[in-house]
PDB file of N, CA and C in Angstrom:
ATOM      1  N   MET A   1       0.817  -1.196   0.000  1.00  0.00           N
ATOM      2  CA  MET A   1       0.000   0.000   0.000  1.00  0.00           C
ATOM      3  C   MET A   1       0.865   1.266   0.000  1.00  0.00           C
ATOM      4  N   ILE A   2       1.925   1.236   0.807  1.00  0.00           N
ATOM      5  CA  ILE A   2       2.815   2.403   0.852  1.00  0.00           C
ATOM      6  C   ILE A   2       3.536   2.573  -0.479  1.00  0.00           C
ATOM      7  N   ASP A   3       3.839   1.460  -1.132  1.00  0.00           N
ATOM      8  CA  ASP A   3       4.485   1.545  -2.446  1.00  0.00           C
ATOM      9  C   ASP A   3       3.589   2.254  -3.463  1.00  0.00           C
ATOM     10  N   LYS A   4       2.281   1.954  -3.414  1.00  0.00           N
ATOM     11  CA  LYS A   4       1.344   2.625  -4.325  1.00  0.00           C
ATOM     12  C   LYS A   4       1.260   4.115  -4.018  1.00  0.00           C
ATOM     13  N   LEU A   5       1.232   4.447  -2.727  1.00  0.00           N
ATOM     14  CA  LEU A   5       1.206   5.866  -2.349  1.00  0.00           C
ATOM     15  C   LEU A   5       2.484   6.573  -2.801  1.00  0.00           C
ATOM     16  N   GLU A   6       3.600   5.873  -2.671  1.00  0.00           N
ATOM     17  CA  GLU A   6       4.865   6.484  -3.074  1.00  0.00           C
ATOM     18  C   GLU A   6       4.927   6.722  -4.575  1.00  0.00           C
ATOM     19  N   LYS A   7       4.387   5.799  -5.356  1.00  0.00           N
ATOM     20  CA  LYS A   7       4.360   6.002  -6.810  1.00  0.00           C
ATOM     21  C   LYS A   7       3.474   7.180  -7.195  1.00  0.00           C
ATOM     22  N   LYS A   8       2.379   7.333  -6.454  1.00  0.00           N
ATOM     23  CA  LYS A   8       1.415   8.380  -6.789  1.00  0.00           C
ATOM     24  C   LYS A   8       1.835   9.755  -6.265  1.00  0.00           C
ATOM     25  N   PHE A   9       2.314   9.804  -5.020  1.00  0.00           N
ATOM     26  CA  PHE A   9       2.601  11.081  -4.376  1.00  0.00           C
ATOM     27  C   PHE A   9       4.076  11.295  -4.045  1.00  0.00           C
ATOM     28  N   GLY A  10       4.941  10.425  -4.506  1.00  0.00           N
ATOM     29  CA  GLY A  10       6.357  10.503  -4.167  1.00  0.00           C
ATOM     30  C   GLY A  10       7.030  11.794  -4.594  1.00  0.00           C
ATOM     31  N   ARG A  11       6.540  12.392  -5.633  1.00  0.00           N
ATOM     32  CA  ARG A  11       7.166  13.636  -6.115  1.00  0.00           C
ATOM     33  C   ARG A  11       6.905  14.813  -5.174  1.00  0.00           C
ATOM     34  N   PHE A  12       5.938  14.679  -4.278  1.00  0.00           N
ATOM     35  CA  PHE A  12       5.622  15.750  -3.338  1.00  0.00           C
ATOM     36  C   PHE A  12       6.391  15.643  -2.027  1.00  0.00           C
ATOM     37  N   ALA A  13       7.236  14.639  -1.888  1.00  0.00           N
ATOM     38  CA  ALA A  13       7.997  14.449  -0.650  1.00  0.00           C
ATOM     39  C   ALA A  13       8.958  15.613  -0.435  1.00  0.00           C
ATOM     40  N   ILE A  14       9.091  16.016   0.793  1.00  0.00           N
ATOM     41  CA  ILE A  14       9.992  17.109   1.160  1.00  0.00           C
ATOM     42  C   ILE A  14      11.363  16.509   1.443  1.00  0.00           C
ATOM     43  N   LYS A  15      12.324  16.865   0.634  1.00  0.00           N
ATOM     44  CA  LYS A  15      13.687  16.387   0.838  1.00  0.00           C
ATOM     45  C   LYS A  15      14.300  17.107   2.039  1.00  0.00           C
ATOM     46  N   ASN A  16      15.122  16.409   2.788  1.00  0.00           N
ATOM     47  CA  ASN A  16      15.799  16.964   3.969  1.00  0.00           C
ATOM     48  C   ASN A  16      14.810  17.591   4.949  1.00  0.00           C
ATOM     49  N   LEU A  17      13.769  16.871   5.266  1.00  0.00           N
ATOM     50  CA  LEU A  17      12.723  17.366   6.154  1.00  0.00           C
ATOM     51  C   LEU A  17      13.255  17.736   7.528  1.00  0.00           C
ATOM     52  N   ILE A  18      14.288  17.063   7.995  1.00  0.00           N
ATOM     53  CA  ILE A  18      14.808  17.324   9.335  1.00  0.00           C
ATOM     54  C   ILE A  18      15.347  18.753   9.445  1.00  0.00           C
ATOM     55  N   TYR A  19      15.830  19.323   8.346  1.00  0.00           N
ATOM     56  CA  TYR A  19      16.282  20.715   8.379  1.00  0.00           C
ATOM     57  C   TYR A  19      15.118  21.652   8.694  1.00  0.00           C
ATOM     58  N   TYR A  20      13.975  21.381   8.106  1.00  0.00           N
ATOM     59  CA  TYR A  20      12.805  22.218   8.350  1.00  0.00           C
ATOM     60  C   TYR A  20      12.264  22.026   9.771  1.00  0.00           C
ATOM     61  N   VAL A  21      12.325  20.795  10.259  1.00  0.00           N
ATOM     62  CA  VAL A  21      11.866  20.529  11.633  1.00  0.00           C
ATOM     63  C   VAL A  21      12.757  21.260  12.631  1.00  0.00           C
ATOM     64  N   LEU A  22      14.062  21.142  12.452  1.00  0.00           N
ATOM     65  CA  LEU A  22      14.985  21.829  13.362  1.00  0.00           C
ATOM     66  C   LEU A  22      14.905  23.340  13.197  1.00  0.00           C
ATOM     67  N   GLY A  23      14.678  23.818  11.987  1.00  0.00           N
ATOM     68  CA  GLY A  23      14.459  25.252  11.782  1.00  0.00           C
ATOM     69  C   GLY A  23      13.212  25.730  12.504  1.00  0.00           C
ATOM     70  N   GLY A  24      12.175  24.897  12.512  1.00  0.00           N
ATOM     71  CA  GLY A  24      10.959  25.223  13.262  1.00  0.00           C
ATOM     72  C   GLY A  24      11.220  25.310  14.755  1.00  0.00           C
ATOM     73  N   TYR A  25      12.061  24.390  15.260  1.00  0.00           N
ATOM     74  CA  TYR A  25      12.431  24.463  16.676  1.00  0.00           C
ATOM     75  C   TYR A  25      13.187  25.748  16.985  1.00  0.00           C
ATOM     76  N   VAL A  26      14.073  26.160  16.077  1.00  0.00           N
ATOM     77  CA  VAL A  26      14.821  27.407  16.278  1.00  0.00           C
ATOM     78  C   VAL A  26      13.852  28.595  16.316  1.00  0.00           C
ATOM     79  N   VAL A  27      12.872  28.605  15.405  1.00  0.00           N
ATOM     80  CA  VAL A  27      11.859  29.669  15.414  1.00  0.00           C
ATOM     81  C   VAL A  27      11.088  29.638  16.731  1.00  0.00           C
ATOM     82  N   GLY A  28      10.759  28.438  17.204  1.00  0.00           N
ATOM     83  CA  GLY A  28      10.069  28.310  18.484  1.00  0.00           C
ATOM     84  C   GLY A  28      10.892  28.854  19.634  1.00  0.00           C
ATOM     85  N   TYR A  29      12.192  28.569  19.641  1.00  0.00           N
ATOM     86  CA  TYR A  29      13.057  29.108  20.691  1.00  0.00           C
ATOM     87  C   TYR A  29      13.163  30.624  20.601  1.00  0.00           C
ATOM     88  N   LEU A  30      13.242  31.154  19.392  1.00  0.00           N
ATOM     89  CA  LEU A  30      13.300  32.610  19.259  1.00  0.00           C
ATOM     90  C   LEU A  30      12.014  33.255  19.772  1.00  0.00           C
ATOM     91  N   LEU A  31      10.872  32.644  19.456  1.00  0.00           N
ATOM     92  CA  LEU A  31       9.612  33.173  19.970  1.00  0.00           C
ATOM     93  C   LEU A  31       9.531  33.051  21.485  1.00  0.00           C
ATOM     94  N   LEU A  32      10.098  31.976  22.027  1.00  0.00           N
ATOM     95  CA  LEU A  32      10.120  31.799  23.477  1.00  0.00           C
ATOM     96  C   LEU A  32      10.995  32.854  24.131  1.00  0.00           C
ATOM     97  N   LEU A  33      12.134  33.168  23.510  1.00  0.00           N
ATOM     98  CA  LEU A  33      13.019  34.193  24.061  1.00  0.00           C
ATOM     99  C   LEU A  33      12.418  35.591  23.944  1.00  0.00           C
ATOM    100  N   LEU A  34      11.673  35.834  22.867  1.00  0.00           N
ATOM    101  CA  LEU A  34      11.044  37.144  22.673  1.00  0.00           C
ATOM    102  C   LEU A  34       9.692  37.245  23.367  1.00  0.00           C
ATOM    103  N   ASP A  35       9.279  36.184  24.029  1.00  0.00           N
ATOM    104  CA  ASP A  35       7.948  36.129  24.628  1.00  0.00           C
ATOM    105  C   ASP A  35       7.731  37.211  25.675  1.00  0.00           C
ATOM    106  N   ASN A  36       8.756  37.570  26.397  1.00  0.00           N
ATOM    107  CA  ASN A  36       8.587  38.580  27.439  1.00  0.00           C
ATOM    108  C   ASN A  36       8.176  39.928  26.872  1.00  0.00           C
ATOM    109  N   SER A  37       8.666  40.250  25.699  1.00  0.00           N
ATOM    110  CA  SER A  37       8.370  41.570  25.153  1.00  0.00           C
ATOM    111  C   SER A  37       7.175  41.575  24.195  1.00  0.00           C
ATOM    112  N   LEU A  38       7.001  40.525  23.393  1.00  0.00           N
ATOM    113  CA  LEU A  38       5.959  40.543  22.369  1.00  0.00           C
ATOM    114  C   LEU A  38       4.787  39.608  22.654  1.00  0.00           C
ATOM    115  N   GLY A  39       5.013  38.520  23.369  1.00  0.00           N
ATOM    116  CA  GLY A  39       3.937  37.581  23.678  1.00  0.00           C
ATOM    117  C   GLY A  39       3.504  36.724  22.503  1.00  0.00           C
ATOM    118  N   LEU A  40       4.381  36.513  21.523  1.00  0.00           N
ATOM    119  CA  LEU A  40       4.033  35.726  20.342  1.00  0.00           C
ATOM    120  C   LEU A  40       4.002  34.229  20.617  1.00  0.00           C
ATOM    121  N   TYR A  41       4.754  33.777  21.609  1.00  0.00           N
ATOM    122  CA  TYR A  41       4.834  32.348  21.891  1.00  0.00           C
ATOM    123  C   TYR A  41       3.477  31.776  22.282  1.00  0.00           C
ATOM    124  N   ASP A  42       2.655  32.566  22.927  1.00  0.00           N
ATOM    125  CA  ASP A  42       1.329  32.102  23.351  1.00  0.00           C
ATOM    126  C   ASP A  42       0.417  31.790  22.166  1.00  0.00           C
ATOM    127  N   TYR A  43       0.736  32.306  20.995  1.00  0.00           N
ATOM    128  CA  TYR A  43      -0.093  32.069  19.815  1.00  0.00           C
ATOM    129  C   TYR A  43       0.233  30.773  19.073  1.00  0.00           C
ATOM    130  N   ILE A  44       1.341  30.103  19.431  1.00  0.00           N
ATOM    131  CA  ILE A  44       1.673  28.857  18.744  1.00  0.00           C
ATOM    132  C   ILE A  44       1.452  27.634  19.623  1.00  0.00           C
ATOM    133  N   VAL A  45       1.189  27.831  20.897  1.00  0.00           N
ATOM    134  CA  VAL A  45       0.985  26.713  21.822  1.00  0.00           C
ATOM    135  C   VAL A  45      -0.378  26.081  21.570  1.00  0.00           C
ATOM    136  N   LEU A  46      -0.450  24.753  21.668  1.00  0.00           N
ATOM    137  CA  LEU A  46      -1.715  24.048  21.474  1.00  0.00           C
ATOM    138  C   LEU A  46      -2.603  24.263  22.689  1.00  0.00           C
ATOM    139  N   ASN A  47      -3.690  24.975  22.472  1.00  0.00           N
ATOM    140  CA  ASN A  47      -4.670  25.256  23.513  1.00  0.00           C
ATOM    141  C   ASN A  47      -6.035  24.888  22.944  1.00  0.00           C
ATOM    142  N   PRO A  48      -6.604  23.752  23.378  1.00  0.00           N
ATOM    143  CA  PRO A  48      -7.862  23.280  22.781  1.00  0.00           C
ATOM    144  C   PRO A  48      -9.004  24.297  22.864  1.00  0.00           C
ATOM    145  N   ALA A  49      -9.054  25.059  23.935  1.00  0.00           N
ATOM    146  CA  ALA A  49     -10.128  26.054  24.059  1.00  0.00           C
ATOM    147  C   ALA A  49     -10.014  27.122  22.977  1.00  0.00           C
ATOM    148  N   MET A  50      -8.792  27.517  22.673  1.00  0.00           N
ATOM    149  CA  MET A  50      -8.596  28.532  21.636  1.00  0.00           C
ATOM    150  C   MET A  50      -8.812  27.946  20.237  1.00  0.00           C
ATOM    151  N   VAL A  51      -8.522  26.663  20.068  1.00  0.00           N
ATOM    152  CA  VAL A  51      -8.799  26.019  18.780  1.00  0.00           C
ATOM    153  C   VAL A  51     -10.301  26.003  18.531  1.00  0.00           C
ATOM    154  N   MET A  52     -11.063  25.715  19.562  1.00  0.00           N
ATOM    155  CA  MET A  52     -12.521  25.693  19.427  1.00  0.00           C
ATOM    156  C   MET A  52     -13.092  27.083  19.147  1.00  0.00           C
ATOM    157  N   ARG A  53     -12.352  28.125  19.497  1.00  0.00           N
ATOM    158  CA  ARG A  53     -12.785  29.499  19.202  1.00  0.00           C
ATOM    159  C   ARG A  53     -12.389  29.939  17.801  1.00  0.00           C
ATOM    160  N   GLY A  54     -11.715  29.061  17.053  1.00  0.00           N
ATOM    161  CA  GLY A  54     -11.407  29.391  15.669  1.00  0.00           C
ATOM    162  C   GLY A  54      -9.932  29.546  15.347  1.00  0.00           C
ATOM    163  N   GLN A  55      -9.054  29.415  16.316  1.00  0.00           N
ATOM    164  CA  GLN A  55      -7.619  29.556  16.058  1.00  0.00           C
ATOM    165  C   GLN A  55      -7.032  28.198  15.664  1.00  0.00           C
ATOM    166  N   VAL A  56      -7.403  27.760  14.450  1.00  0.00           N
ATOM    167  CA  VAL A  56      -7.045  26.416  13.999  1.00  0.00           C
ATOM    168  C   VAL A  56      -5.559  26.274  13.669  1.00  0.00           C
ATOM    169  N   TRP A  57      -4.824  27.352  13.514  1.00  0.00           N
ATOM    170  CA  TRP A  57      -3.402  27.257  13.222  1.00  0.00           C
ATOM    171  C   TRP A  57      -2.660  26.591  14.378  1.00  0.00           C
ATOM    172  N   ARG A  58      -3.229  26.613  15.562  1.00  0.00           N
ATOM    173  CA  ARG A  58      -2.588  25.989  16.717  1.00  0.00           C
ATOM    174  C   ARG A  58      -2.462  24.478  16.551  1.00  0.00           C
ATOM    175  N   LEU A  59      -3.288  23.879  15.704  1.00  0.00           N
ATOM    176  CA  LEU A  59      -3.183  22.449  15.443  1.00  0.00           C
ATOM    177  C   LEU A  59      -1.902  22.104  14.689  1.00  0.00           C
ATOM    178  N   PHE A  60      -1.296  23.084  14.027  1.00  0.00           N
ATOM    179  CA  PHE A  60      -0.082  22.859  13.252  1.00  0.00           C
ATOM    180  C   PHE A  60       1.147  23.492  13.895  1.00  0.00           C
ATOM    181  N   THR A  61       0.974  24.619  14.565  1.00  0.00           N
ATOM    182  CA  THR A  61       2.130  25.341  15.087  1.00  0.00           C
ATOM    183  C   THR A  61       2.637  24.799  16.409  1.00  0.00           C
ATOM    184  N   TRP A  62       1.884  23.914  17.065  1.00  0.00           N
ATOM    185  CA  TRP A  62       2.375  23.374  18.326  1.00  0.00           C
ATOM    186  C   TRP A  62       3.658  22.573  18.116  1.00  0.00           C
ATOM    187  N   VAL A  63       3.916  22.152  16.893  1.00  0.00           N
ATOM    188  CA  VAL A  63       5.140  21.414  16.600  1.00  0.00           C
ATOM    189  C   VAL A  63       6.359  22.301  16.821  1.00  0.00           C
ATOM    190  N   LEU A  64       6.200  23.605  16.689  1.00  0.00           N
ATOM    191  CA  LEU A  64       7.304  24.543  16.882  1.00  0.00           C
ATOM    192  C   LEU A  64       7.634  24.784  18.350  1.00  0.00           C
ATOM    193  N   THR A  65       6.773  24.341  19.250  1.00  0.00           N
ATOM    194  CA  THR A  65       7.003  24.616  20.667  1.00  0.00           C
ATOM    195  C   THR A  65       8.098  23.709  21.203  1.00  0.00           C
ATOM    196  N   PRO A  66       9.220  24.298  21.574  1.00  0.00           N
ATOM    197  CA  PRO A  66      10.345  23.502  22.073  1.00  0.00           C
ATOM    198  C   PRO A  66      10.176  23.221  23.565  1.00  0.00           C
ATOM    199  N   PRO A  67      10.967  22.291  24.091  1.00  0.00           N
ATOM    200  CA  PRO A  67      10.966  22.097  25.540  1.00  0.00           C
ATOM    201  C   PRO A  67      11.393  23.392  26.234  1.00  0.00           C
ATOM    202  N   GLN A  68      10.854  23.641  27.399  1.00  0.00           N
ATOM    203  CA  GLN A  68      11.130  24.897  28.107  1.00  0.00           C
ATOM    204  C   GLN A  68      12.601  24.980  28.503  1.00  0.00           C
ATOM    205  N   GLY A  69      13.139  26.173  28.420  1.00  0.00           N
ATOM    206  CA  GLY A  69      14.508  26.427  28.844  1.00  0.00           C
ATOM    207  C   GLY A  69      15.519  26.078  27.768  1.00  0.00           C
ATOM    208  N   PHE A  70      16.653  26.716  27.841  1.00  0.00           N
ATOM    209  CA  PHE A  70      17.733  26.476  26.889  1.00  0.00           C
ATOM    210  C   PHE A  70      18.965  26.047  27.674  1.00  0.00           C
ATOM    211  N   SER A  71      19.550  24.936  27.321  1.00  0.00           N
ATOM    212  CA  SER A  71      20.727  24.451  28.022  1.00  0.00           C
ATOM    213  C   SER A  71      21.595  23.661  27.053  1.00  0.00           C
ATOM    214  N   PHE A  72      22.636  23.086  27.596  1.00  0.00           N
ATOM    215  CA  PHE A  72      23.530  22.236  26.808  1.00  0.00           C
ATOM    216  C   PHE A  72      22.765  21.054  26.226  1.00  0.00           C
ATOM    217  N   TRP A  73      21.793  20.536  26.948  1.00  0.00           N
ATOM    218  CA  TRP A  73      21.054  19.355  26.511  1.00  0.00           C
ATOM    219  C   TRP A  73      20.193  19.643  25.287  1.00  0.00           C
ATOM    220  N   ILE A  74      19.787  20.866  25.133  1.00  0.00           N
ATOM    221  CA  ILE A  74      19.012  21.231  23.947  1.00  0.00           C
ATOM    222  C   ILE A  74      19.886  21.143  22.697  1.00  0.00           C
ATOM    223  N   ILE A  75      21.111  21.600  22.796  1.00  0.00           N
ATOM    224  CA  ILE A  75      22.043  21.493  21.663  1.00  0.00           C
ATOM    225  C   ILE A  75      22.304  20.023  21.364  1.00  0.00           C
ATOM    226  N   PHE A  76      22.475  19.211  22.400  1.00  0.00           N
ATOM    227  CA  PHE A  76      22.644  17.771  22.221  1.00  0.00           C
ATOM    228  C   PHE A  76      21.422  17.164  21.544  1.00  0.00           C
ATOM    229  N   MET A  77      20.220  17.607  21.948  1.00  0.00           N
ATOM    230  CA  MET A  77      18.980  17.111  21.351  1.00  0.00           C
ATOM    231  C   MET A  77      18.928  17.473  19.863  1.00  0.00           C
ATOM    232  N   PHE A  78      19.302  18.705  19.506  1.00  0.00           N
ATOM    233  CA  PHE A  78      19.311  19.119  18.102  1.00  0.00           C
ATOM    234  C   PHE A  78      20.251  18.235  17.279  1.00  0.00           C
ATOM    235  N   LEU A  79      21.447  17.986  17.811  1.00  0.00           N
ATOM    236  CA  LEU A  79      22.400  17.146  17.081  1.00  0.00           C
ATOM    237  C   LEU A  79      21.887  15.720  16.945  1.00  0.00           C
ATOM    238  N   LEU A  80      21.280  15.201  17.991  1.00  0.00           N
ATOM    239  CA  LEU A  80      20.729  13.850  17.934  1.00  0.00           C
ATOM    240  C   LEU A  80      19.597  13.763  16.916  1.00  0.00           C
ATOM    241  N   TYR A  81      18.682  14.724  16.941  1.00  0.00           N
ATOM    242  CA  TYR A  81      17.600  14.763  15.950  1.00  0.00           C
ATOM    243  C   TYR A  81      18.156  14.849  14.537  1.00  0.00           C
ATOM    244  N   PHE A  82      19.190  15.667  14.365  1.00  0.00           N
ATOM    245  CA  PHE A  82      19.780  15.837  13.042  1.00  0.00           C
ATOM    246  C   PHE A  82      20.358  14.529  12.521  1.00  0.00           C
ATOM    247  N   TYR A  83      21.182  13.870  13.324  1.00  0.00           N
ATOM    248  CA  TYR A  83      21.821  12.633  12.873  1.00  0.00           C
ATOM    249  C   TYR A  83      20.813  11.513  12.679  1.00  0.00           C
ATOM    250  N   ILE A  84      19.875  11.368  13.588  1.00  0.00           N
ATOM    251  CA  ILE A  84      18.874  10.318  13.445  1.00  0.00           C
ATOM    252  C   ILE A  84      17.962  10.605  12.252  1.00  0.00           C
ATOM    253  N   GLY A  85      17.539  11.864  12.089  1.00  0.00           N
ATOM    254  CA  GLY A  85      16.665  12.234  10.974  1.00  0.00           C
ATOM    255  C   GLY A  85      17.322  12.017   9.631  1.00  0.00           C
ATOM    256  N   ARG A  86      18.580  12.411   9.521  1.00  0.00           N
ATOM    257  CA  ARG A  86      19.297  12.209   8.247  1.00  0.00           C
ATOM    258  C   ARG A  86      19.470  10.727   7.951  1.00  0.00           C
ATOM    259  N   SER A  87      19.805   9.952   8.979  1.00  0.00           N
ATOM    260  CA  SER A  87      19.998   8.508   8.770  1.00  0.00           C
ATOM    261  C   SER A  87      18.696   7.828   8.376  1.00  0.00           C
ATOM    262  N   LEU A  88      17.607   8.190   9.034  1.00  0.00           N
ATOM    263  CA  LEU A  88      16.318   7.593   8.685  1.00  0.00           C
ATOM    264  C   LEU A  88      15.899   7.947   7.269  1.00  0.00           C
ATOM    265  N   GLU A  89      16.123   9.200   6.881  1.00  0.00           N
ATOM    266  CA  GLU A  89      15.737   9.597   5.524  1.00  0.00           C
ATOM    267  C   GLU A  89      16.587   8.890   4.471  1.00  0.00           C
ATOM    268  N   GLN A  90      17.862   8.704   4.749  1.00  0.00           N
ATOM    269  CA  GLN A  90      18.710   7.984   3.798  1.00  0.00           C
ATOM    270  C   GLN A  90      18.302   6.523   3.709  1.00  0.00           C
ATOM    271  N   TYR A  91      17.913   5.928   4.827  1.00  0.00           N
ATOM    272  CA  TYR A  91      17.546   4.518   4.835  1.00  0.00           C
ATOM    273  C   TYR A  91      16.157   4.280   4.242  1.00  0.00           C
ATOM    274  N   MET A  92      15.190   5.095   4.650  1.00  0.00           N
ATOM    275  CA  MET A  92      13.797   4.887   4.255  1.00  0.00           C
ATOM    276  C   MET A  92      13.451   5.527   2.927  1.00  0.00           C
ATOM    277  N   GLY A  93      14.116   6.598   2.597  1.00  0.00           N
ATOM    278  CA  GLY A  93      13.745   7.395   1.436  1.00  0.00           C
ATOM    279  C   GLY A  93      12.924   8.594   1.895  1.00  0.00           C
ATOM    280  N   SER A  94      12.882   9.617   1.073  1.00  0.00           N
ATOM    281  CA  SER A  94      12.225  10.865   1.459  1.00  0.00           C
ATOM    282  C   SER A  94      10.723  10.698   1.689  1.00  0.00           C
ATOM    283  N   PHE A  95      10.053   9.985   0.804  1.00  0.00           N
ATOM    284  CA  PHE A  95       8.595   9.860   0.939  1.00  0.00           C
ATOM    285  C   PHE A  95       8.214   9.111   2.206  1.00  0.00           C
ATOM    286  N   ARG A  96       8.856   8.002   2.468  1.00  0.00           N
ATOM    287  CA  ARG A  96       8.520   7.212   3.654  1.00  0.00           C
ATOM    288  C   ARG A  96       8.887   7.952   4.934  1.00  0.00           C
ATOM    289  N   TYR A  97       9.977   8.697   4.915  1.00  0.00           N
ATOM    290  CA  TYR A  97      10.357   9.489   6.080  1.00  0.00           C
ATOM    291  C   TYR A  97       9.335  10.607   6.314  1.00  0.00           C
ATOM    292  N   ASN A  98       8.888  11.247   5.251  1.00  0.00           N
ATOM    293  CA  ASN A  98       7.837  12.263   5.373  1.00  0.00           C
ATOM    294  C   ASN A  98       6.567  11.655   5.942  1.00  0.00           C
ATOM    295  N   LEU A  99       6.197  10.505   5.432  1.00  0.00           N
ATOM    296  CA  LEU A  99       5.010   9.809   5.921  1.00  0.00           C
ATOM    297  C   LEU A  99       5.155   9.465   7.400  1.00  0.00           C
ATOM    298  N   TYR A 100       6.325   9.012   7.797  1.00  0.00           N
ATOM    299  CA  TYR A 100       6.610   8.690   9.192  1.00  0.00           C
ATOM    300  C   TYR A 100       6.478   9.927  10.083  1.00  0.00           C
ATOM    301  N   MET A 101       7.093  11.019   9.683  1.00  0.00           N
ATOM    302  CA  MET A 101       7.073  12.240  10.501  1.00  0.00           C
ATOM    303  C   MET A 101       5.670  12.845  10.579  1.00  0.00           C
ATOM    304  N   PHE A 102       4.999  12.975   9.427  1.00  0.00           N
ATOM    305  CA  PHE A 102       3.687  13.613   9.422  1.00  0.00           C
ATOM    306  C   PHE A 102       2.626  12.752  10.097  1.00  0.00           C
ATOM    307  N   SER A 103       2.732  11.440   9.963  1.00  0.00           N
ATOM    308  CA  SER A 103       1.766  10.591  10.669  1.00  0.00           C
ATOM    309  C   SER A 103       2.027  10.641  12.167  1.00  0.00           C
ATOM    310  N   GLY A 104       3.266  10.755  12.582  1.00  0.00           N
ATOM    311  CA  GLY A 104       3.572  10.918  14.000  1.00  0.00           C
ATOM    312  C   GLY A 104       2.977  12.199  14.568  1.00  0.00           C
ATOM    313  N   ILE A 105       3.085  13.281  13.816  1.00  0.00           N
ATOM    314  CA  ILE A 105       2.514  14.557  14.257  1.00  0.00           C
ATOM    315  C   ILE A 105       0.993  14.465  14.291  1.00  0.00           C
ATOM    316  N   LEU A 106       0.399  13.875  13.258  1.00  0.00           N
ATOM    317  CA  LEU A 106      -1.053  13.751  13.184  1.00  0.00           C
ATOM    318  C   LEU A 106      -1.600  12.898  14.329  1.00  0.00           C
ATOM    319  N   PHE A 107      -0.981  11.757  14.586  1.00  0.00           N
ATOM    320  CA  PHE A 107      -1.496  10.878  15.627  1.00  0.00           C
ATOM    321  C   PHE A 107      -1.211  11.415  17.020  1.00  0.00           C
ATOM    322  N   THR A 108      -0.197  12.257  17.165  1.00  0.00           N
ATOM    323  CA  THR A 108       0.056  12.888  18.457  1.00  0.00           C
ATOM    324  C   THR A 108      -1.007  13.944  18.748  1.00  0.00           C
ATOM    325  N   ALA A 109      -1.411  14.681  17.711  1.00  0.00           N
ATOM    326  CA  ALA A 109      -2.425  15.723  17.918  1.00  0.00           C
ATOM    327  C   ALA A 109      -3.773  15.079  18.163  1.00  0.00           C
TER     328      ALA A 109
END
């Protein structure tokens, strides 16, 4: 079944998806750091009550919300995500890796 999906939609796969995921985390950290002055971080957090009021972008932007605080372990986490993501994409192929990542996000939400 996945082979049929790959033949049909394989051209739409995002190459090097882990770069975009890690870039999203960086944007999330920047919003977290700027939160004291602008309050933008509160607009990307998943809040079911606000989703029900019409702020449906929260269903997608919660992926940008990084773990709280910045430390050495966050840099270690970024490097680990990078190496594991690149290895998985090389092993599985771009389409299957995209399917893996997006289905993980969908089923988590």
